[in-house]
PDB file of N, CA and C in Angstrom:
ATOM      1  N   MET A   1     -23.877  -9.183   9.636  1.00  0.00           N
ATOM      2  CA  MET A   1     -22.794  -8.318   9.207  1.00  0.00           C
ATOM      3  C   MET A   1     -22.496  -7.316  10.324  1.00  0.00           C
ATOM      4  N   SER A   2     -21.249  -7.202  10.675  1.00  0.00           N
ATOM      5  CA  SER A   2     -20.803  -6.304  11.728  1.00  0.00           C
ATOM      6  C   SER A   2     -20.458  -4.935  11.146  1.00  0.00           C
ATOM      7  N   ILE A   3     -20.600  -3.916  11.954  1.00  0.00           N
ATOM      8  CA  ILE A   3     -20.213  -2.567  11.530  1.00  0.00           C
ATOM      9  C   ILE A   3     -18.720  -2.528  11.183  1.00  0.00           C
ATOM     10  N   LEU A   4     -17.926  -3.377  11.831  1.00  0.00           N
ATOM     11  CA  LEU A   4     -16.490  -3.411  11.581  1.00  0.00           C
ATOM     12  C   LEU A   4     -16.147  -3.944  10.183  1.00  0.00           C
ATOM     13  N   ASP A   5     -17.084  -4.625   9.555  1.00  0.00           N
ATOM     14  CA  ASP A   5     -16.846  -5.116   8.198  1.00  0.00           C
ATOM     15  C   ASP A   5     -16.723  -3.974   7.197  1.00  0.00           C
ATOM     16  N   ASN A   6     -17.225  -2.802   7.562  1.00  0.00           N
ATOM     17  CA  ASN A   6     -17.212  -1.647   6.661  1.00  0.00           C
ATOM     18  C   ASN A   6     -16.080  -0.668   6.948  1.00  0.00           C
ATOM     19  N   ILE A   7     -15.270  -0.947   7.949  1.00  0.00           N
ATOM     20  CA  ILE A   7     -14.208  -0.021   8.343  1.00  0.00           C
ATOM     21  C   ILE A   7     -12.860  -0.645   8.016  1.00  0.00           C
ATOM     22  N   GLN A   8     -12.020   0.143   7.344  1.00  0.00           N
ATOM     23  CA  GLN A   8     -10.707  -0.358   6.932  1.00  0.00           C
ATOM     24  C   GLN A   8      -9.627   0.667   7.249  1.00  0.00           C
ATOM     25  N   ASN A   9      -8.403   0.191   7.396  1.00  0.00           N
ATOM     26  CA  ASN A   9      -7.247   1.057   7.582  1.00  0.00           C
ATOM     27  C   ASN A   9      -6.590   1.228   6.212  1.00  0.00           C
ATOM     28  N   TYR A  10      -6.480   2.459   5.770  1.00  0.00           N
ATOM     29  CA  TYR A  10      -5.930   2.758   4.447  1.00  0.00           C
ATOM     30  C   TYR A  10      -4.508   2.224   4.271  1.00  0.00           C
ATOM     31  N   TYR A  11      -3.751   2.160   5.351  1.00  0.00           N
ATOM     32  CA  TYR A  11      -2.355   1.737   5.258  1.00  0.00           C
ATOM     33  C   TYR A  11      -2.173   0.236   5.039  1.00  0.00           C
ATOM     34  N   GLU A  12      -3.123  -0.581   5.429  1.00  0.00           N
ATOM     35  CA  GLU A  12      -2.940  -2.035   5.320  1.00  0.00           C
ATOM     36  C   GLU A  12      -2.632  -2.491   3.888  1.00  0.00           C
ATOM     37  N   PRO A  13      -3.441  -2.148   2.892  1.00  0.00           N
ATOM     38  CA  PRO A  13      -3.085  -2.590   1.538  1.00  0.00           C
ATOM     39  C   PRO A  13      -1.816  -1.941   1.010  1.00  0.00           C
ATOM     40  N   LEU A  14      -1.540  -0.702   1.430  1.00  0.00           N
ATOM     41  CA  LEU A  14      -0.306  -0.039   0.986  1.00  0.00           C
ATOM     42  C   LEU A  14       0.923  -0.780   1.514  1.00  0.00           C
ATOM     43  N   VAL A  15       0.857  -1.212   2.764  1.00  0.00           N
ATOM     44  CA  VAL A  15       1.971  -1.971   3.354  1.00  0.00           C
ATOM     45  C   VAL A  15       2.154  -3.299   2.619  1.00  0.00           C
ATOM     46  N   MET A  16       1.062  -3.979   2.332  1.00  0.00           N
ATOM     47  CA  MET A  16       1.153  -5.256   1.612  1.00  0.00           C
ATOM     48  C   MET A  16       1.745  -5.061   0.216  1.00  0.00           C
ATOM     49  N   GLU A  17       1.321  -4.017  -0.488  1.00  0.00           N
ATOM     50  CA  GLU A  17       1.855  -3.724  -1.827  1.00  0.00           C
ATOM     51  C   GLU A  17       3.349  -3.415  -1.772  1.00  0.00           C
ATOM     52  N   GLU A  18       3.742  -2.587  -0.813  1.00  0.00           N
ATOM     53  CA  GLU A  18       5.150  -2.215  -0.695  1.00  0.00           C
ATOM     54  C   GLU A  18       6.007  -3.414  -0.321  1.00  0.00           C
ATOM     55  N   LEU A  19       5.526  -4.258   0.569  1.00  0.00           N
ATOM     56  CA  LEU A  19       6.277  -5.449   0.945  1.00  0.00           C
ATOM     57  C   LEU A  19       6.451  -6.365  -0.263  1.00  0.00           C
ATOM     58  N   ALA A  20       5.398  -6.562  -1.032  1.00  0.00           N
ATOM     59  CA  ALA A  20       5.493  -7.383  -2.246  1.00  0.00           C
ATOM     60  C   ALA A  20       6.501  -6.786  -3.222  1.00  0.00           C
ATOM     61  N   HIS A  21       6.483  -5.480  -3.360  1.00  0.00           N
ATOM     62  CA  HIS A  21       7.427  -4.797  -4.256  1.00  0.00           C
ATOM     63  C   HIS A  21       8.873  -5.002  -3.790  1.00  0.00           C
ATOM     64  N   LEU A  22       9.113  -4.826  -2.494  1.00  0.00           N
ATOM     65  CA  LEU A  22      10.471  -5.009  -1.959  1.00  0.00           C
ATOM     66  C   LEU A  22      10.948  -6.452  -2.128  1.00  0.00           C
ATOM     67  N   LEU A  23      10.065  -7.400  -1.897  1.00  0.00           N
ATOM     68  CA  LEU A  23      10.444  -8.808  -2.019  1.00  0.00           C
ATOM     69  C   LEU A  23      10.724  -9.177  -3.470  1.00  0.00           C
ATOM     70  N   ASP A  24      10.010  -8.572  -4.405  1.00  0.00           N
ATOM     71  CA  ASP A  24      10.266  -8.822  -5.828  1.00  0.00           C
ATOM     72  C   ASP A  24      11.647  -8.319  -6.238  1.00  0.00           C
ATOM     73  N   GLU A  25      12.108  -7.242  -5.592  1.00  0.00           N
ATOM     74  CA  GLU A  25      13.415  -6.671  -5.913  1.00  0.00           C
ATOM     75  C   GLU A  25      14.568  -7.470  -5.315  1.00  0.00           C
ATOM     76  N   GLN A  26      14.303  -8.208  -4.241  1.00  0.00           N
ATOM     77  CA  GLN A  26      15.365  -8.956  -3.569  1.00  0.00           C
ATOM     78  C   GLN A  26      15.735 -10.195  -4.366  1.00  0.00           C
ATOM     79  N   GLU A  27      17.000 -10.522  -4.293  1.00  0.00           N
ATOM     80  CA  GLU A  27      17.497 -11.685  -5.022  1.00  0.00           C
ATOM     81  C   GLU A  27      17.605 -12.932  -4.150  1.00  0.00           C
ATOM     82  N   HIS A  28      17.569 -12.771  -2.839  1.00  0.00           N
ATOM     83  CA  HIS A  28      17.723 -13.935  -1.970  1.00  0.00           C
ATOM     84  C   HIS A  28      16.370 -14.550  -1.642  1.00  0.00           C
ATOM     85  N   ASP A  29      16.393 -15.587  -0.816  1.00  0.00           N
ATOM     86  CA  ASP A  29      15.191 -16.352  -0.493  1.00  0.00           C
ATOM     87  C   ASP A  29      14.086 -15.481   0.101  1.00  0.00           C
ATOM     88  N   ARG A  30      12.880 -15.866  -0.222  1.00  0.00           N
ATOM     89  CA  ARG A  30      11.703 -15.177   0.282  1.00  0.00           C
ATOM     90  C   ARG A  30      11.460 -15.597   1.733  1.00  0.00           C
ATOM     91  N   PRO A  31      11.138 -14.629   2.615  1.00  0.00           N
ATOM     92  CA  PRO A  31      10.822 -14.986   4.003  1.00  0.00           C
ATOM     93  C   PRO A  31       9.556 -15.829   4.062  1.00  0.00           C
ATOM     94  N   ASP A  32       9.409 -16.626   5.132  1.00  0.00           N
ATOM     95  CA  ASP A  32       8.197 -17.441   5.277  1.00  0.00           C
ATOM     96  C   ASP A  32       7.014 -16.558   5.707  1.00  0.00           C
ATOM     97  N   GLU A  33       5.809 -17.131   5.671  1.00  0.00           N
ATOM     98  CA  GLU A  33       4.602 -16.366   5.977  1.00  0.00           C
ATOM     99  C   GLU A  33       4.594 -15.831   7.404  1.00  0.00           C
ATOM    100  N   ASP A  34       5.150 -16.580   8.335  1.00  0.00           N
ATOM    101  CA  ASP A  34       5.208 -16.139   9.726  1.00  0.00           C
ATOM    102  C   ASP A  34       6.035 -14.857   9.840  1.00  0.00           C
ATOM    103  N   MET A  35       7.170 -14.844   9.185  1.00  0.00           N
ATOM    104  CA  MET A  35       8.035 -13.662   9.210  1.00  0.00           C
ATOM    105  C   MET A  35       7.356 -12.489   8.494  1.00  0.00           C
ATOM    106  N   LEU A  36       6.689 -12.755   7.375  1.00  0.00           N
ATOM    107  CA  LEU A  36       6.007 -11.690   6.648  1.00  0.00           C
ATOM    108  C   LEU A  36       4.907 -11.064   7.502  1.00  0.00           C
ATOM    109  N   GLY A  37       4.194 -11.893   8.251  1.00  0.00           N
ATOM    110  CA  GLY A  37       3.175 -11.378   9.161  1.00  0.00           C
ATOM    111  C   GLY A  37       3.773 -10.449  10.206  1.00  0.00           C
ATOM    112  N   ASP A  38       4.939 -10.838  10.731  1.00  0.00           N
ATOM    113  CA  ASP A  38       5.635  -9.981  11.700  1.00  0.00           C
ATOM    114  C   ASP A  38       6.035  -8.657  11.069  1.00  0.00           C
ATOM    115  N   VAL A  39       6.540  -8.704   9.843  1.00  0.00           N
ATOM    116  CA  VAL A  39       6.960  -7.480   9.151  1.00  0.00           C
ATOM    117  C   VAL A  39       5.765  -6.550   8.963  1.00  0.00           C
ATOM    118  N   VAL A  40       4.639  -7.094   8.534  1.00  0.00           N
ATOM    119  CA  VAL A  40       3.440  -6.278   8.323  1.00  0.00           C
ATOM    120  C   VAL A  40       2.997  -5.637   9.634  1.00  0.00           C
ATOM    121  N   CYS A  41       2.975  -6.411  10.718  1.00  0.00           N
ATOM    122  CA  CYS A  41       2.565  -5.871  12.019  1.00  0.00           C
ATOM    123  C   CYS A  41       3.497  -4.763  12.491  1.00  0.00           C
ATOM    124  N   VAL A  42       4.798  -4.983  12.386  1.00  0.00           N
ATOM    125  CA  VAL A  42       5.760  -3.969  12.824  1.00  0.00           C
ATOM    126  C   VAL A  42       5.608  -2.701  11.980  1.00  0.00           C
ATOM    127  N   ALA A  43       5.480  -2.850  10.677  1.00  0.00           N
ATOM    128  CA  ALA A  43       5.322  -1.682   9.803  1.00  0.00           C
ATOM    129  C   ALA A  43       4.054  -0.913  10.150  1.00  0.00           C
ATOM    130  N   LEU A  44       2.927  -1.614  10.307  1.00  0.00           N
ATOM    131  CA  LEU A  44       1.668  -0.935  10.620  1.00  0.00           C
ATOM    132  C   LEU A  44       1.711  -0.251  11.982  1.00  0.00           C
ATOM    133  N   ASN A  45       2.445  -0.820  12.928  1.00  0.00           N
ATOM    134  CA  ASN A  45       2.565  -0.196  14.245  1.00  0.00           C
ATOM    135  C   ASN A  45       3.366   1.096  14.208  1.00  0.00           C
ATOM    136  N   HIS A  46       4.105   1.328  13.133  1.00  0.00           N
ATOM    137  CA  HIS A  46       4.891   2.550  12.986  1.00  0.00           C
ATOM    138  C   HIS A  46       4.233   3.570  12.071  1.00  0.00           C
ATOM    139  N   LEU A  47       3.007   3.299  11.674  1.00  0.00           N
ATOM    140  CA  LEU A  47       2.255   4.224  10.831  1.00  0.00           C
ATOM    141  C   LEU A  47       1.025   4.703  11.587  1.00  0.00           C
ATOM    142  N   PRO A  48       0.608   5.936  11.336  1.00  0.00           N
ATOM    143  CA  PRO A  48      -0.597   6.411  12.017  1.00  0.00           C
ATOM    144  C   PRO A  48      -1.832   5.710  11.443  1.00  0.00           C
ATOM    145  N   PRO A  49      -2.850   5.507  12.252  1.00  0.00           N
ATOM    146  CA  PRO A  49      -4.068   4.889  11.706  1.00  0.00           C
ATOM    147  C   PRO A  49      -4.774   5.858  10.765  1.00  0.00           C
ATOM    148  N   ARG A  50      -5.336   5.324   9.725  1.00  0.00           N
ATOM    149  CA  ARG A  50      -6.086   6.150   8.756  1.00  0.00           C
ATOM    150  C   ARG A  50      -7.270   5.310   8.295  1.00  0.00           C
ATOM    151  N   TYR A  51      -8.341   5.393   9.054  1.00  0.00           N
ATOM    152  CA  TYR A  51      -9.505   4.552   8.794  1.00  0.00           C
ATOM    153  C   TYR A  51     -10.499   5.241   7.870  1.00  0.00           C
ATOM    154  N   PHE A  52     -11.216   4.419   7.114  1.00  0.00           N
ATOM    155  CA  PHE A  52     -12.250   4.928   6.223  1.00  0.00           C
ATOM    156  C   PHE A  52     -13.334   3.869   6.071  1.00  0.00           C
ATOM    157  N   ARG A  53     -14.484   4.329   5.631  1.00  0.00           N
ATOM    158  CA  ARG A  53     -15.578   3.403   5.341  1.00  0.00           C
ATOM    159  C   ARG A  53     -15.654   3.116   3.856  1.00  0.00           C
ATOM    160  N   HIS A  54     -15.474   4.142   3.054  1.00  0.00           N
ATOM    161  CA  HIS A  54     -15.554   3.994   1.605  1.00  0.00           C
ATOM    162  C   HIS A  54     -14.280   4.582   1.009  1.00  0.00           C
ATOM    163  N   GLU A  55     -13.521   3.748   0.318  1.00  0.00           N
ATOM    164  CA  GLU A  55     -12.226   4.188  -0.213  1.00  0.00           C
ATOM    165  C   GLU A  55     -12.345   5.428  -1.083  1.00  0.00           C
ATOM    166  N   VAL A  56     -13.419   5.544  -1.810  1.00  0.00           N
ATOM    167  CA  VAL A  56     -13.595   6.703  -2.680  1.00  0.00           C
ATOM    168  C   VAL A  56     -13.629   7.995  -1.855  1.00  0.00           C
ATOM    169  N   ASP A  57     -14.158   7.943  -0.632  1.00  0.00           N
ATOM    170  CA  ASP A  57     -14.184   9.129   0.225  1.00  0.00           C
ATOM    171  C   ASP A  57     -12.773   9.581   0.586  1.00  0.00           C
ATOM    172  N   LEU A  58     -11.918   8.647   0.930  1.00  0.00           N
ATOM    173  CA  LEU A  58     -10.552   8.993   1.301  1.00  0.00           C
ATOM    174  C   LEU A  58      -9.779   9.494   0.097  1.00  0.00           C
ATOM    175  N   ILE A  59      -9.886   8.834  -1.024  1.00  0.00           N
ATOM    176  CA  ILE A  59      -9.162   9.236  -2.223  1.00  0.00           C
ATOM    177  C   ILE A  59      -9.591  10.629  -2.665  1.00  0.00           C
ATOM    178  N   TYR A  60     -10.873  10.925  -2.543  1.00  0.00           N
ATOM    179  CA  TYR A  60     -11.401  12.219  -2.953  1.00  0.00           C
ATOM    180  C   TYR A  60     -10.790  13.356  -2.140  1.00  0.00           C
ATOM    181  N   TYR A  61     -10.578  13.136  -0.845  1.00  0.00           N
ATOM    182  CA  TYR A  61     -10.065  14.183   0.034  1.00  0.00           C
ATOM    183  C   TYR A  61      -8.550  14.156   0.195  1.00  0.00           C
ATOM    184  N   LEU A  62      -7.877  13.271  -0.489  1.00  0.00           N
ATOM    185  CA  LEU A  62      -6.433  13.121  -0.370  1.00  0.00           C
ATOM    186  C   LEU A  62      -5.746  13.875  -1.514  1.00  0.00           C
ATOM    187  N   SER A  63      -4.903  14.836  -1.162  1.00  0.00           N
ATOM    188  CA  SER A  63      -4.180  15.578  -2.203  1.00  0.00           C
ATOM    189  C   SER A  63      -3.058  14.702  -2.764  1.00  0.00           C
ATOM    190  N   PRO A  64      -2.595  14.987  -3.983  1.00  0.00           N
ATOM    191  CA  PRO A  64      -1.476  14.218  -4.540  1.00  0.00           C
ATOM    192  C   PRO A  64      -0.225  14.279  -3.653  1.00  0.00           C
ATOM    193  N   THR A  65       0.019  15.422  -3.042  1.00  0.00           N
ATOM    194  CA  THR A  65       1.180  15.563  -2.152  1.00  0.00           C
ATOM    195  C   THR A  65       1.017  14.673  -0.922  1.00  0.00           C
ATOM    196  N   GLU A  66      -0.176  14.688  -0.343  1.00  0.00           N
ATOM    197  CA  GLU A  66      -0.420  13.850   0.832  1.00  0.00           C
ATOM    198  C   GLU A  66      -0.326  12.369   0.478  1.00  0.00           C
ATOM    199  N   ALA A  67      -0.820  11.987  -0.684  1.00  0.00           N
ATOM    200  CA  ALA A  67      -0.745  10.580  -1.118  1.00  0.00           C
ATOM    201  C   ALA A  67       0.704  10.152  -1.274  1.00  0.00           C
ATOM    202  N   GLU A  68       1.547  11.007  -1.848  1.00  0.00           N
ATOM    203  CA  GLU A  68       2.969  10.665  -2.012  1.00  0.00           C
ATOM    204  C   GLU A  68       3.678  10.602  -0.662  1.00  0.00           C
ATOM    205  N   GLU A  69       3.330  11.503   0.243  1.00  0.00           N
ATOM    206  CA  GLU A  69       3.911  11.465   1.591  1.00  0.00           C
ATOM    207  C   GLU A  69       3.536  10.166   2.308  1.00  0.00           C
ATOM    208  N   MET A  70       2.287   9.733   2.134  1.00  0.00           N
ATOM    209  CA  MET A  70       1.844   8.484   2.754  1.00  0.00           C
ATOM    210  C   MET A  70       2.614   7.301   2.173  1.00  0.00           C
ATOM    211  N   ARG A  71       2.803   7.291   0.866  1.00  0.00           N
ATOM    212  CA  ARG A  71       3.557   6.198   0.234  1.00  0.00           C
ATOM    213  C   ARG A  71       5.008   6.183   0.710  1.00  0.00           C
ATOM    214  N   ALA A  72       5.601   7.356   0.884  1.00  0.00           N
ATOM    215  CA  ALA A  72       6.979   7.436   1.378  1.00  0.00           C
ATOM    216  C   ALA A  72       7.063   6.908   2.815  1.00  0.00           C
ATOM    217  N   LYS A  73       6.077   7.247   3.643  1.00  0.00           N
ATOM    218  CA  LYS A  73       6.042   6.737   5.025  1.00  0.00           C
ATOM    219  C   LYS A  73       5.912   5.215   5.031  1.00  0.00           C
ATOM    220  N   VAL A  74       5.071   4.706   4.137  1.00  0.00           N
ATOM    221  CA  VAL A  74       4.879   3.261   4.042  1.00  0.00           C
ATOM    222  C   VAL A  74       6.173   2.587   3.621  1.00  0.00           C
ATOM    223  N   ARG A  75       6.824   3.142   2.603  1.00  0.00           N
ATOM    224  CA  ARG A  75       8.088   2.578   2.108  1.00  0.00           C
ATOM    225  C   ARG A  75       9.105   2.473   3.238  1.00  0.00           C
ATOM    226  N   LYS A  76       9.272   3.563   3.997  1.00  0.00           N
ATOM    227  CA  LYS A  76      10.243   3.570   5.099  1.00  0.00           C
ATOM    228  C   LYS A  76       9.830   2.595   6.195  1.00  0.00           C
ATOM    229  N   ALA A  77       8.552   2.571   6.548  1.00  0.00           N
ATOM    230  CA  ALA A  77       8.080   1.670   7.603  1.00  0.00           C
ATOM    231  C   ALA A  77       8.311   0.213   7.221  1.00  0.00           C
ATOM    232  N   VAL A  78       8.052  -0.146   5.964  1.00  0.00           N
ATOM    233  CA  VAL A  78       8.233  -1.535   5.532  1.00  0.00           C
ATOM    234  C   VAL A  78       9.719  -1.886   5.476  1.00  0.00           C
ATOM    235  N   GLU A  79      10.535  -0.997   4.944  1.00  0.00           N
ATOM    236  CA  GLU A  79      11.983  -1.259   4.897  1.00  0.00           C
ATOM    237  C   GLU A  79      12.539  -1.439   6.302  1.00  0.00           C
ATOM    238  N   ASP A  80      12.160  -0.545   7.209  1.00  0.00           N
ATOM    239  CA  ASP A  80      12.636  -0.632   8.597  1.00  0.00           C
ATOM    240  C   ASP A  80      12.124  -1.899   9.280  1.00  0.00           C
ATOM    241  N   ALA A  81      10.866  -2.242   9.056  1.00  0.00           N
ATOM    242  CA  ALA A  81      10.284  -3.433   9.671  1.00  0.00           C
ATOM    243  C   ALA A  81      10.962  -4.697   9.155  1.00  0.00           C
ATOM    244  N   LEU A  82      11.217  -4.753   7.872  1.00  0.00           N
ATOM    245  CA  LEU A  82      11.886  -5.916   7.284  1.00  0.00           C
ATOM    246  C   LEU A  82      13.287  -6.075   7.875  1.00  0.00           C
ATOM    247  N   ALA A  83      14.008  -4.974   7.987  1.00  0.00           N
ATOM    248  CA  ALA A  83      15.341  -5.018   8.587  1.00  0.00           C
ATOM    249  C   ALA A  83      15.278  -5.440  10.053  1.00  0.00           C
ATOM    250  N   TYR A  84      14.313  -4.887  10.788  1.00  0.00           N
ATOM    251  CA  TYR A  84      14.177  -5.208  12.199  1.00  0.00           C
ATOM    252  C   TYR A  84      13.842  -6.681  12.414  1.00  0.00           C
ATOM    253  N   VAL A  85      12.849  -7.173  11.709  1.00  0.00           N
ATOM    254  CA  VAL A  85      12.416  -8.555  11.895  1.00  0.00           C
ATOM    255  C   VAL A  85      13.511  -9.515  11.441  1.00  0.00           C
ATOM    256  N   THR A  86      14.185  -9.196  10.350  1.00  0.00           N
ATOM    257  CA  THR A  86      15.271 -10.047   9.863  1.00  0.00           C
ATOM    258  C   THR A  86      16.411 -10.114  10.873  1.00  0.00           C
ATOM    259  N   SER A  87      16.773  -8.980  11.450  1.00  0.00           N
ATOM    260  CA  SER A  87      17.918  -8.957  12.384  1.00  0.00           C
ATOM    261  C   SER A  87      17.565  -9.516  13.761  1.00  0.00           C
ATOM    262  N   ASN A  88      16.290  -9.573  14.101  1.00  0.00           N
ATOM    263  CA  ASN A  88      15.880 -10.055  15.416  1.00  0.00           C
ATOM    264  C   ASN A  88      15.162 -11.399  15.356  1.00  0.00           C
ATOM    265  N   ARG A  89      15.363 -12.097  14.284  1.00  0.00           N
ATOM    266  CA  ARG A  89      14.699 -13.394  14.068  1.00  0.00           C
ATOM    267  C   ARG A  89      15.271 -14.449  14.999  1.00  0.00           C
ATOM    268  N   ARG A  90      14.386 -15.174  15.643  1.00  0.00           N
ATOM    269  CA  ARG A  90      14.825 -16.276  16.507  1.00  0.00           C
ATOM    270  C   ARG A  90      15.166 -17.475  15.649  1.00  0.00           C
ATOM    271  N   SER A  91      16.167 -18.183  16.047  1.00  0.00           N
ATOM    272  CA  SER A  91      16.585 -19.381  15.296  1.00  0.00           C
ATOM    273  C   SER A  91      15.739 -20.565  15.651  1.00  0.00           C
TER     274      SER A  91
END
C-alpha cells in the first residue's frame, strides 16, 4: 500500500457529481467517455488543489459558507470546461 492511496483531492468527487448533474439536465446526446475525461481534467485544472487524508477532517474544518463557495466554484468550472471541450472538439 502506497502513502498516496490515503491522499485525495476534495474537488475530484465534487466535479464528478456536478458533471453528472449537468448531464442529467441536458436533453441532447451524452458525450462519450473520452470527452467526459477531458471535461473533468479541464475543470480540475481550474480549481485549487484541496487534499486531505481523512474526509471527516476536511468536513469538520469546513464552514457552511466555505462549502457553498467550493460548490459554486465547482459548478462554474464544470460548466466552463464542458463548454470549452465541446467547442474545441476535434472531428
